[in-house]
Amino acid sequence: MKDINELNERMNSNEEIIDNLVKKATELEKQIAKATEINIPDYSSVLDTIIREIRELKLVTKQDQQLVLLNAVKTKLDDQPKQSRQIRFLLFPETNQGQYYKIVFGRLIPWGLVFLVATYIFITGYKAIEIYRNNDSVNQSMHYHRAWLYLQQHAKKKMLNAMDDAYKKTDE
């Protein structure tokens, strides 16, 4: 029984707490009702315009800051020394010298010499063939010339007239 009495007492105390909470809630509702009765003017449109103007000012200041930064970067770039164009002919490399010398002295120079010798032999052969052909035609023409002179020296008058006519006809 004792436990039941304790439970009843606790329930009574809980009911008192709930009653107090309900009273406080009703008082707060009354205070809220009084606050709404007070006429507070509506400044929302004014606040919106102020907020808009502040945003615009922020944008303008950001743009100004960006413009100032761009001008600073431009002046720094203009102040830097200009890079001049550098043209270099390297006979010997700065890096990989071993590979360079292996390629140059092991392959390029011997093949270059072979190419030069082959070119020289080709040009000399071409000139020799040209000289041979020219010499052959000169020999043939000298032969014709000697034959003509021989006929001229040993021919009779009728043969000389025929030779002169042939010479005149072929001269034109």
Protein backbone atom coordinates (compact mmCIF):
# COMPACT_ATOMS: atom_id res chain seq x y z
CA MET A 1 0.00 0.00 0.00
CA LYS A 2 2.82 2.14 0.73
CA ASP A 3 3.91 1.99 -2.91
CA ILE A 4 0.50 3.03 -4.10
CA ASN A 5 0.50 6.04 -1.78
CA GLU A 6 3.88 7.08 -3.12
CA LEU A 7 2.63 6.77 -6.68
CA ASN A 8 -0.39 8.89 -5.90
CA GLU A 9 1.78 11.58 -4.35
CA ARG A 10 4.06 11.63 -7.37
CA MET A 11 1.10 11.90 -9.69
CA ASN A 12 -0.23 14.82 -7.68
CA SER A 13 3.13 16.56 -7.88
CA ASN A 14 3.26 15.92 -11.63
CA GLU A 15 -0.18 17.39 -12.01
CA GLU A 16 0.97 20.50 -10.20
CA ILE A 17 3.97 20.84 -12.55
CA ILE A 18 1.73 20.43 -15.59
CA ASP A 19 -0.68 23.06 -14.22
CA ASN A 20 2.22 25.50 -13.74
CA LEU A 21 3.43 24.89 -17.31
CA VAL A 22 -0.05 25.46 -18.69
CA LYS A 23 -0.35 28.76 -16.75
CA LYS A 24 3.03 29.94 -18.09
CA ALA A 25 2.07 29.01 -21.64
CA THR A 26 -1.17 30.98 -21.39
CA GLU A 27 0.71 34.00 -20.03
CA LEU A 28 3.17 33.82 -22.93
CA GLU A 29 0.30 33.63 -25.39
CA LYS A 30 -1.21 36.73 -23.84
CA GLN A 31 2.10 38.57 -24.13
CA ILE A 32 2.39 37.59 -27.78
CA ALA A 33 -1.15 38.81 -28.37
CA LYS A 34 -0.28 42.17 -26.78
CA ALA A 35 2.87 42.44 -28.94
CA THR A 36 0.85 41.93 -32.10
CA GLU A 37 -1.59 44.59 -31.02
CA ILE A 38 1.20 47.15 -31.02
CA ASN A 39 1.46 48.70 -34.45
CA ILE A 40 4.98 48.11 -35.73
CA PRO A 41 5.42 49.80 -39.11
CA ASP A 42 6.41 47.56 -42.04
CA TYR A 43 9.98 48.42 -43.02
CA SER A 44 10.52 45.36 -45.19
CA SER A 45 10.51 47.27 -48.53
CA VAL A 46 12.94 49.87 -47.17
CA LEU A 47 15.15 47.11 -45.81
CA ASP A 48 15.06 45.36 -49.19
CA THR A 49 16.22 48.53 -50.99
CA ILE A 50 18.98 49.07 -48.41
CA ILE A 51 20.13 45.46 -48.81
CA ARG A 52 20.10 45.85 -52.62
CA GLU A 53 22.17 49.05 -52.44
CA ILE A 54 24.66 47.41 -50.08
CA ARG A 55 25.04 44.49 -52.51
CA GLU A 56 25.58 46.90 -55.38
CA LEU A 57 28.20 48.76 -53.36
CA LYS A 58 29.91 45.46 -52.60
CA LEU A 59 29.92 44.59 -56.31
CA VAL A 60 31.30 48.00 -57.23
CA THR A 61 34.00 47.75 -54.59
CA LYS A 62 34.87 44.22 -55.77
CA GLN A 63 35.14 45.47 -59.34
CA ASP A 64 37.27 48.40 -58.21
CA GLN A 65 39.51 46.05 -56.25
CA GLN A 66 39.83 43.74 -59.23
CA LEU A 67 40.65 46.68 -61.48
CA VAL A 68 43.31 47.87 -59.05
CA LEU A 69 44.79 44.36 -58.87
CA LEU A 70 44.82 44.07 -62.66
CA ASN A 71 46.55 47.43 -62.98
CA ALA A 72 49.13 46.38 -60.38
CA VAL A 73 49.81 43.14 -62.24
CA LYS A 74 50.09 45.03 -65.53
CA THR A 75 52.59 47.51 -64.10
CA LYS A 76 54.66 44.67 -62.61
CA LEU A 77 54.68 42.87 -65.94
CA ASP A 78 55.66 46.07 -67.74
CA ASP A 79 58.46 46.68 -65.26
CA GLN A 80 59.98 43.24 -65.86
CA PRO A 81 62.84 43.13 -68.36
CA LYS A 82 61.83 42.06 -71.82
CA GLN A 83 63.14 38.71 -72.96
CA SER A 84 65.26 39.11 -76.04
CA ARG A 85 65.24 36.50 -78.72
CA GLN A 86 68.37 34.45 -78.55
CA ILE A 87 69.73 32.60 -81.54
CA ARG A 88 72.56 30.18 -80.93
CA PHE A 89 74.39 27.73 -83.13
CA LEU A 90 75.76 25.01 -80.95
CA LEU A 91 78.60 23.02 -82.45
CA PHE A 92 78.87 20.97 -79.30
CA PRO A 93 75.87 20.09 -77.14
CA GLU A 94 75.39 21.19 -73.58
CA THR A 95 74.01 17.80 -72.54
CA ASN A 96 74.42 14.19 -73.70
CA GLN A 97 77.89 14.77 -75.12
CA GLY A 98 78.67 11.04 -75.24
CA GLN A 99 75.70 10.26 -77.47
CA TYR A 100 76.43 13.30 -79.62
CA TYR A 101 80.02 12.28 -80.30
CA LYS A 102 78.98 8.68 -80.90
CA ILE A 103 76.45 9.79 -83.50
CA VAL A 104 78.67 12.42 -85.13
CA PHE A 105 81.99 10.61 -85.26
CA GLY A 106 80.55 7.10 -85.46
CA ARG A 107 77.95 7.59 -88.17
CA LEU A 108 77.54 11.06 -89.61
CA ILE A 109 81.14 11.81 -90.56
CA PRO A 110 81.83 8.43 -92.25
CA TRP A 111 78.51 8.51 -94.10
CA GLY A 112 79.12 12.15 -95.03
CA LEU A 113 82.51 11.24 -96.47
CA VAL A 114 80.98 8.29 -98.39
CA PHE A 115 78.35 10.66 -99.78
CA LEU A 116 81.01 13.21 -100.82
CA VAL A 117 83.18 10.57 -102.50
CA ALA A 118 80.17 9.09 -104.32
CA THR A 119 79.13 12.57 -105.48
CA TYR A 120 82.66 13.32 -106.69
CA ILE A 121 82.84 9.99 -108.57
CA PHE A 122 79.42 10.60 -110.15
CA ILE A 123 80.34 14.13 -111.28
CA THR A 124 83.73 13.00 -112.60
CA GLY A 125 82.14 10.08 -114.46
CA TYR A 126 79.54 12.37 -116.01
CA LYS A 127 82.26 14.77 -117.19
CA ALA A 128 84.33 11.85 -118.57
CA ILE A 129 81.35 10.55 -120.57
CA GLU A 130 80.68 14.06 -121.88
CA ILE A 131 84.34 14.51 -122.90
CA TYR A 132 84.37 11.08 -124.60
CA ARG A 133 81.26 11.90 -126.66
CA ASN A 134 82.67 15.30 -127.58
CA ASN A 135 86.03 13.76 -128.53
CA ASP A 136 84.30 11.11 -130.65
CA SER A 137 82.31 13.71 -132.58
CA VAL A 138 85.45 15.82 -133.07
CA ASN A 139 87.33 12.79 -134.39
CA GLN A 140 84.49 12.01 -136.80
CA SER A 141 84.35 15.56 -138.05
CA MET A 142 88.13 15.66 -138.47
CA HIS A 143 87.85 12.47 -140.51
CA TYR A 144 85.24 14.06 -142.78
CA HIS A 145 87.38 17.18 -143.09
CA ARG A 146 90.48 15.18 -144.09
CA ALA A 147 88.41 13.20 -146.60
CA TRP A 148 87.07 16.41 -148.11
CA LEU A 149 90.55 17.87 -148.40
CA TYR A 150 91.87 14.66 -149.96
CA LEU A 151 89.11 14.68 -152.58
CA GLN A 152 89.73 18.35 -153.24
CA GLN A 153 93.44 17.80 -153.85
CA HIS A 154 93.06 14.75 -156.11
CA ALA A 155 89.84 15.61 -157.95
CA LYS A 156 89.42 16.90 -161.47
CA LYS A 157 87.70 20.08 -162.49
CA LYS A 158 84.26 18.50 -162.93
CA MET A 159 84.49 16.85 -159.51
CA LEU A 160 85.64 20.17 -157.91
CA ASN A 161 82.61 21.99 -159.33
CA ALA A 162 80.31 19.28 -157.95
CA MET A 163 82.01 19.51 -154.57
CA ASP A 164 81.67 23.33 -154.50
CA ASP A 165 77.96 23.03 -155.36
CA ALA A 166 77.43 20.46 -152.57
CA TYR A 167 79.29 22.66 -150.12
CA LYS A 168 77.18 25.70 -150.99
CA LYS A 169 73.90 23.72 -150.72
CA THR A 170 74.77 22.31 -147.27
CA ASP A 171 76.05 25.67 -145.95
CA GLU A 172 72.63 27.26 -145.91
